[in-house]
Structure formats: structure tokens, C-alpha cells
Amino acid sequence: MGQVLVLGLVYGVIYSLFAVGIVLVYRGSGTINFAQGEIGTFGLFVAWWFTTAHHLPWIIGAVAALVMAAALGAGFEWAIVSHMVEANRVSVAVATIGLLAFLVAFEVRFFEGGNIRKMVAPIRGTGWSVFGVVVSPTQILSLLAAGALAAGLALLLKKTDFGLGVLAAAQDPVAVRLVGIPLARVSAFVWGLGAAVSVLGALFIEPTIGVFTPGFASEMFIKGLAAAVVGGLTSLEGAFVGGLLIGFVEVGANRVFDFPGVKMFSILFVMLLVLLVKPDGLMEGFKFRRRALA
């Protein structure tokens, strides 16, 4: 049981990061960026180019990957999404699938994508044993980074006018304009930040898995999407709760059952169960009751 809790927490935090990126874009523009996972993979290739191919410190590669991802996300919003304001949100989501395909092709062509890549860990060391599970320094760092990100986003989105504009953008764009916040700036911000958060998740999960190839973080995106749906697509708190739940379910199911595809089956089962009981997500219902009691 202790091992399930430790491993579930480690993986759940990573899924939460991907879920946060999904929720940010959905809150800011009312759509889902299906390329976010592959932006995370692309960020890994960029970081690898700096750290492994050119022997620079991990932090330089990580910063370069984060800046690239933010520019890519914001650039896609400027070049494509901003011109589809009147389009159906499904059409925008389909456009992001085109970005996903382009990134995979780019990785294969320019990074010799057929070869398996490996990133150096940000912190080297043997780690610590917790309930029989060796927790690496990188995994500890990912927990701290996720906590810092959660606190920072909470302050930004709930304590500033711009943050409140982000939260209201998809539901009430008129109100956002009335408080003097340009919708274009809000949209570019959420697409850029969502992309950068996905790279952060990919950078922290890669040392645990060990290697990566094109499409690597797209699987993480699927689990992050499940976490976002379980927690509530408009709830940042739900993104973290959903990520942890998916992490615990995945690890627990893998320990109890032994058949191919048990991880994805268990995630799909939990997601469908939540949708049947609470279609808006677990945390959406929690916030509604909290407002009702206030």
C-alpha cells in the first residue's frame, strides 16, 4: 500500500502538470490543445540538443526548452487561433492536431527521431527509500516544482486583475473587456503558459522513464487529459486532484491486475465512472457546494 501511495504521488504530480496546461488553455479559449503533449516532447529534444549534444548544464537546456515552448504556444495562438475567433471550438481543436503532426514530423526529420534519446537528470544521486520505493532527487524536485507552480498560479489567477480575466475569458469575454484586459493577450498567455507547463512535466518524467522518442509525451498528455476531465476542465484545483487520482489508480491497478493495457483500461474506467456520476468533474461539484454554503 505504501509503495502505491509513493509511486502514485510521483506519477500523479506529473499528470497534474499536463492537466494544468490543458485546463489553462480551456479556461482561456474554450478549447483543448491536442498538441500540448508533443510540445513537451519537442521541448525534450531542444533540451537534449543543449545538454547532451553540446554538453551544457541541464538548467540551460531546460530554460531554452521552456522559452521555446512558450513561444511556440503563443506563436500558434497568434498565427492560427486568433484568426479562428468566430470558428467553432472543435475546429480550433482540430487545428491543434495539425500542429501535433507537424511537430512529430519535424522531430523525426531534424532530430533523427528513429534513434532513442536520453536526457541527463537535473540532480544526480541515489535518492531515498520510502516504503521500499527509491525516490530520486529529480522526483523530489518535481514535487516541489508542482507545489510552487500551484501556489504561483493561485496567486496570479485569483489575486490579480489579469488572472481573473484569464479565469473568465472563455465564459464571459465581455466582462474581460469591461475591466480593460485585452482578450488577445489573455489567449496568448494561456497558450504559451500551457505549452511551457507541458515541457516542465516532460522534463521531470523523462529521467524516471529513462529514454524518449517522438510521441513520448503524448501518452502523458492523454493521462493529463483524463486527469483534467476527472477533476473538471475548468478547475485548476481539479487538475491537481485529478492528476493524483489518476496516478494512484494507474499504479494500484498495475499492482493488483496483470494483463496488457491494464493502466489505460483503469484510467478509462475511472474517467467514465466520474463522467457518469459528476459530468462536470469532481472539483466542479465541490466548488458549487462551497458557494452554496457561503
Protein backbone atom coordinates (compact mmCIF):
# COMPACT_ATOMS: atom_id res chain seq x y z
CA MET A 1 0.00 0.00 0.00
CA GLY A 2 2.83 2.37 0.87
CA GLN A 3 4.50 1.74 -2.49
CA VAL A 4 1.26 2.52 -4.33
CA LEU A 5 0.96 5.81 -2.45
CA VAL A 6 4.55 6.85 -3.17
CA LEU A 7 4.58 5.87 -6.85
CA GLY A 8 1.06 7.22 -7.35
CA LEU A 9 2.13 10.55 -5.90
CA VAL A 10 5.22 10.73 -8.12
CA TYR A 11 3.36 9.94 -11.34
CA GLY A 12 0.22 11.81 -10.29
CA VAL A 13 2.12 15.08 -9.89
CA ILE A 14 3.43 14.79 -13.45
CA TYR A 15 -0.04 14.08 -14.80
CA SER A 16 -1.24 17.10 -12.83
CA LEU A 17 1.23 19.33 -14.68
CA PHE A 18 -0.13 18.21 -18.05
CA ALA A 19 -3.68 18.63 -16.74
CA VAL A 20 -2.91 22.18 -15.60
CA GLY A 21 -1.75 23.07 -19.11
CA ILE A 22 -4.96 21.62 -20.57
CA VAL A 23 -7.17 23.48 -18.09
CA LEU A 24 -5.35 26.78 -18.67
CA VAL A 25 -5.97 26.67 -22.41
CA TYR A 26 -9.56 25.53 -21.93
CA ARG A 27 -10.27 28.28 -19.41
CA GLY A 28 -8.70 30.94 -21.61
CA SER A 29 -10.03 29.92 -25.04
CA GLY A 30 -12.70 27.26 -24.58
CA THR A 31 -10.84 24.55 -26.50
CA ILE A 32 -8.28 21.78 -25.98
CA ASN A 33 -4.77 21.90 -27.41
CA PHE A 34 -4.12 18.32 -28.50
CA ALA A 35 -0.54 19.24 -29.42
CA GLN A 36 0.45 20.06 -25.83
CA GLY A 37 1.91 16.63 -25.20
CA GLU A 38 4.03 16.75 -28.33
CA ILE A 39 5.18 20.26 -27.46
CA GLY A 40 6.52 18.61 -24.30
CA THR A 41 8.39 16.05 -26.42
CA PHE A 42 9.73 18.77 -28.68
CA GLY A 43 10.95 20.60 -25.58
CA LEU A 44 12.85 17.46 -24.56
CA PHE A 45 14.60 17.38 -27.92
CA VAL A 46 15.55 21.04 -27.54
CA ALA A 47 16.88 20.43 -24.01
CA TRP A 48 18.75 17.33 -25.23
CA TRP A 49 20.38 19.37 -28.00
CA PHE A 50 21.78 21.78 -25.43
CA THR A 51 22.68 19.37 -22.61
CA THR A 52 23.73 16.16 -24.35
CA ALA A 53 24.76 17.19 -27.85
CA HIS A 54 26.56 20.35 -26.67
CA HIS A 55 27.37 19.41 -23.05
CA LEU A 56 25.78 22.46 -21.43
CA PRO A 57 24.26 22.42 -17.92
CA TRP A 58 20.77 20.93 -17.51
CA ILE A 59 19.30 24.24 -16.39
CA ILE A 60 20.31 25.93 -19.67
CA GLY A 61 18.64 23.22 -21.72
CA ALA A 62 15.53 23.35 -19.51
CA VAL A 63 15.21 27.14 -19.75
CA ALA A 64 15.72 27.01 -23.53
CA ALA A 65 13.03 24.32 -23.82
CA LEU A 66 10.58 26.30 -21.67
CA VAL A 67 11.16 29.53 -23.62
CA MET A 68 10.81 27.67 -26.92
CA ALA A 69 7.56 26.04 -25.78
CA ALA A 70 6.06 29.31 -24.57
CA ALA A 71 6.99 30.98 -27.88
CA LEU A 72 5.60 28.05 -29.86
CA GLY A 73 2.32 28.05 -27.96
CA ALA A 74 1.88 31.82 -28.14
CA GLY A 75 3.01 31.84 -31.77
CA PHE A 76 0.45 29.21 -32.75
CA GLU A 77 -2.23 31.23 -30.99
CA TRP A 78 -1.19 34.37 -32.89
CA ALA A 79 -0.84 32.68 -36.29
CA ILE A 80 -3.83 30.31 -36.18
CA VAL A 81 -6.12 30.57 -33.14
CA SER A 82 -6.52 34.35 -33.21
CA HIS A 83 -7.83 34.09 -36.79
CA MET A 84 -10.40 31.48 -35.76
CA VAL A 85 -12.22 33.56 -33.14
CA GLU A 86 -15.56 33.08 -34.86
CA ALA A 87 -14.91 29.42 -35.67
CA ASN A 88 -16.36 26.50 -33.78
CA ARG A 89 -14.11 25.47 -30.90
CA VAL A 90 -13.95 21.95 -32.33
CA SER A 91 -12.35 23.42 -35.46
CA VAL A 92 -9.65 25.03 -33.30
CA ALA A 93 -9.02 21.70 -31.57
CA VAL A 94 -8.65 20.01 -34.97
CA ALA A 95 -6.10 22.66 -35.95
CA THR A 96 -4.00 21.67 -32.94
CA ILE A 97 -3.91 18.10 -34.23
CA GLY A 98 -2.24 19.53 -37.32
CA LEU A 99 0.38 21.12 -35.06
CA LEU A 100 0.90 17.76 -33.35
CA ALA A 101 1.53 16.04 -36.69
CA PHE A 102 3.92 18.80 -37.77
CA LEU A 103 5.95 18.51 -34.56
CA VAL A 104 6.28 14.72 -34.89
CA ALA A 105 7.44 15.09 -38.50
CA PHE A 106 9.88 17.84 -37.51
CA GLU A 107 11.36 15.71 -34.69
CA VAL A 108 11.82 12.72 -36.98
CA ARG A 109 13.41 14.82 -39.70
CA PHE A 110 15.73 17.13 -37.78
CA PHE A 111 16.50 15.16 -34.62
CA GLU A 112 16.87 11.74 -36.28
CA GLY A 113 13.74 10.69 -34.46
CA GLY A 114 14.25 6.99 -35.11
CA ASN A 115 17.02 6.99 -32.52
CA ILE A 116 16.24 6.74 -28.81
CA ARG A 117 17.37 9.77 -26.81
CA LYS A 118 18.27 10.10 -23.17
CA MET A 119 18.42 13.23 -21.00
CA VAL A 120 20.70 13.72 -18.04
CA ALA A 121 18.87 14.14 -14.74
CA PRO A 122 18.78 17.66 -13.26
CA ILE A 123 20.06 16.34 -9.91
CA ARG A 124 22.21 13.24 -9.65
CA GLY A 125 22.12 10.96 -6.64
CA THR A 126 20.86 7.64 -5.37
CA GLY A 127 17.74 9.05 -3.74
CA TRP A 128 15.91 7.93 -0.61
CA SER A 129 13.93 4.79 0.17
CA VAL A 130 10.28 5.43 1.13
CA PHE A 131 8.12 2.35 1.80
CA GLY A 132 10.55 0.29 -0.24
CA VAL A 133 10.46 2.68 -3.21
CA VAL A 134 13.60 4.64 -4.12
CA VAL A 135 12.54 8.24 -4.72
CA SER A 136 15.12 10.05 -6.84
CA PRO A 137 16.21 13.66 -6.31
CA THR A 138 14.55 14.54 -9.63
CA GLN A 139 11.24 13.15 -8.40
CA ILE A 140 11.54 15.20 -5.21
CA LEU A 141 12.30 18.25 -7.35
CA SER A 142 9.19 17.58 -9.46
CA LEU A 143 7.03 17.52 -6.32
CA LEU A 144 8.48 20.83 -5.17
CA ALA A 145 8.14 22.38 -8.63
CA ALA A 146 4.50 21.31 -8.87
CA GLY A 147 3.78 22.81 -5.46
CA ALA A 148 5.48 26.07 -6.41
CA LEU A 149 3.59 26.17 -9.70
CA ALA A 150 0.27 25.59 -7.93
CA ALA A 151 0.95 28.37 -5.43
CA GLY A 152 2.14 30.77 -8.12
CA LEU A 153 -0.86 30.14 -10.36
CA ALA A 154 -3.25 30.52 -7.43
CA LEU A 155 -1.78 33.93 -6.60
CA LEU A 156 -1.71 35.06 -10.23
CA LEU A 157 -5.17 33.89 -11.22
CA LYS A 158 -7.08 34.76 -8.08
CA LYS A 159 -5.28 37.84 -6.75
CA THR A 160 -4.66 39.89 -9.91
CA ASP A 161 -6.99 41.52 -12.43
CA PHE A 162 -5.20 39.80 -15.29
CA GLY A 163 -5.56 36.41 -13.60
CA LEU A 164 -9.27 36.97 -13.03
CA GLY A 165 -9.51 37.87 -16.69
CA VAL A 166 -7.92 34.54 -17.61
CA LEU A 167 -10.42 32.66 -15.46
CA ALA A 168 -13.37 34.50 -17.01
CA ALA A 169 -12.16 34.65 -20.62
CA ALA A 170 -13.93 31.62 -22.06
CA GLN A 171 -17.15 32.07 -20.06
CA ASP A 172 -17.65 35.85 -20.20
CA PRO A 173 -15.39 37.64 -22.72
CA VAL A 174 -17.50 40.81 -22.46
CA ALA A 175 -16.70 41.12 -18.75
CA VAL A 176 -12.99 40.71 -19.53
CA ARG A 177 -13.12 43.63 -21.98
CA LEU A 178 -15.00 45.77 -19.47
CA VAL A 179 -12.15 45.52 -16.95
CA GLY A 180 -9.67 46.64 -19.61
CA ILE A 181 -7.88 43.35 -20.28
CA PRO A 182 -7.28 42.56 -23.99
CA LEU A 183 -8.63 39.12 -24.87
CA ALA A 184 -5.77 38.61 -27.34
CA ARG A 185 -3.26 38.98 -24.52
CA VAL A 186 -5.16 36.52 -22.33
CA SER A 187 -5.34 33.97 -25.12
CA ALA A 188 -1.64 34.25 -25.99
CA PHE A 189 -0.75 33.94 -22.30
CA VAL A 190 -2.70 30.72 -21.68
CA TRP A 191 -1.47 29.05 -24.87
CA GLY A 192 2.14 29.96 -24.09
CA LEU A 193 1.96 29.01 -20.42
CA GLY A 194 0.08 25.81 -21.15
CA ALA A 195 2.80 24.73 -23.58
CA ALA A 196 5.58 25.59 -21.10
CA VAL A 197 3.90 23.61 -18.30
CA SER A 198 3.77 20.55 -20.58
CA VAL A 199 7.52 20.83 -21.19
CA LEU A 200 8.06 21.06 -17.44
CA GLY A 201 6.15 17.82 -16.95
CA ALA A 202 8.12 16.09 -19.73
CA LEU A 203 11.45 17.25 -18.30
CA PHE A 204 10.63 15.81 -14.89
CA ILE A 205 9.15 12.48 -16.03
CA GLU A 206 11.85 11.62 -18.59
CA PRO A 207 14.57 10.71 -16.03
CA THR A 208 12.14 8.26 -14.39
CA ILE A 209 11.25 6.56 -17.68
CA GLY A 210 14.82 6.81 -18.97
CA VAL A 211 14.52 7.46 -22.71
CA PHE A 212 12.31 9.29 -25.18
CA THR A 213 11.38 9.31 -28.86
CA PRO A 214 8.88 11.32 -30.95
CA GLY A 215 5.44 10.98 -29.39
CA PHE A 216 6.91 10.37 -25.92
CA ALA A 217 4.89 12.99 -24.01
CA SER A 218 1.70 12.48 -26.00
CA GLU A 219 0.93 9.47 -23.78
CA MET A 220 1.43 11.73 -20.76
CA PHE A 221 -0.98 14.17 -22.40
CA ILE A 222 -3.67 11.50 -22.63
CA LYS A 223 -3.33 10.81 -18.92
CA GLY A 224 -3.26 14.54 -18.22
CA LEU A 225 -6.46 14.96 -20.25
CA ALA A 226 -8.07 12.18 -18.23
CA ALA A 227 -6.96 13.98 -15.05
CA ALA A 228 -8.41 17.28 -16.29
CA VAL A 229 -11.74 15.63 -17.16
CA VAL A 230 -11.89 13.84 -13.80
CA GLY A 231 -11.10 16.99 -11.84
CA GLY A 232 -13.11 19.36 -14.03
CA LEU A 233 -11.95 21.01 -17.24
CA THR A 234 -12.40 24.49 -15.79
CA SER A 235 -10.84 23.83 -12.38
CA LEU A 236 -7.12 24.27 -11.71
CA GLU A 237 -7.60 22.65 -8.30
CA GLY A 238 -9.32 19.79 -10.10
CA ALA A 239 -6.30 19.37 -12.39
CA PHE A 240 -4.12 18.53 -9.38
CA VAL A 241 -6.75 16.36 -7.69
CA GLY A 242 -7.46 14.53 -10.95
CA GLY A 243 -3.77 14.01 -11.64
CA LEU A 244 -3.17 12.47 -8.24
CA LEU A 245 -6.24 10.25 -8.56
CA ILE A 246 -5.16 9.01 -11.99
CA GLY A 247 -1.65 8.35 -10.64
CA PHE A 248 -2.93 6.30 -7.70
CA VAL A 249 -5.40 4.36 -9.86
CA GLU A 250 -2.78 3.58 -12.50
CA VAL A 251 -0.19 2.31 -10.03
CA GLY A 252 -2.75 0.45 -7.92
CA ALA A 253 -4.32 -1.30 -10.91
CA ASN A 254 -0.88 -2.31 -12.19
CA ARG A 255 -0.10 -3.90 -8.82
CA VAL A 256 -3.40 -5.76 -8.44
CA PHE A 257 -4.06 -6.91 -12.02
CA ASP A 258 -1.75 -8.49 -14.54
CA PHE A 259 -2.85 -8.14 -18.15
CA PRO A 260 -1.74 -5.96 -21.09
CA GLY A 261 -3.21 -2.48 -21.14
CA VAL A 262 -4.34 -2.55 -17.50
CA LYS A 263 -3.10 1.01 -16.90
CA MET A 264 -5.06 2.63 -19.70
CA PHE A 265 -8.09 0.45 -19.00
CA SER A 266 -8.14 1.52 -15.35
CA ILE A 267 -7.78 5.19 -16.28
CA LEU A 268 -10.59 4.94 -18.84
CA PHE A 269 -12.81 3.15 -16.30
CA VAL A 270 -12.29 5.86 -13.65
CA MET A 271 -12.84 8.65 -16.16
CA LEU A 272 -16.11 7.12 -17.41
CA LEU A 273 -17.27 6.48 -13.84
CA VAL A 274 -16.67 10.12 -12.87
CA LEU A 275 -18.43 11.35 -16.01
CA LEU A 276 -21.46 9.24 -15.16
CA VAL A 277 -21.63 10.45 -11.55
CA LYS A 278 -20.36 14.04 -11.93
CA PRO A 279 -20.22 15.07 -15.62
CA ASP A 280 -18.57 18.41 -14.78
CA GLY A 281 -15.75 16.81 -12.77
CA LEU A 282 -15.11 16.17 -9.10
CA MET A 283 -13.93 19.63 -8.12
CA GLU A 284 -16.65 21.46 -10.00
CA GLY A 285 -19.22 19.93 -7.69
CA PHE A 286 -17.09 20.75 -4.66
CA LYS A 287 -16.83 24.41 -5.59
CA PHE A 288 -20.56 24.61 -6.23
CA ARG A 289 -21.37 23.30 -2.78
CA ARG A 290 -18.85 25.64 -1.23
CA ARG A 291 -20.51 28.63 -2.87
CA ALA A 292 -23.91 27.36 -1.80
CA LEU A 293 -22.79 27.22 1.84
CA ALA A 294 -21.24 30.70 1.74
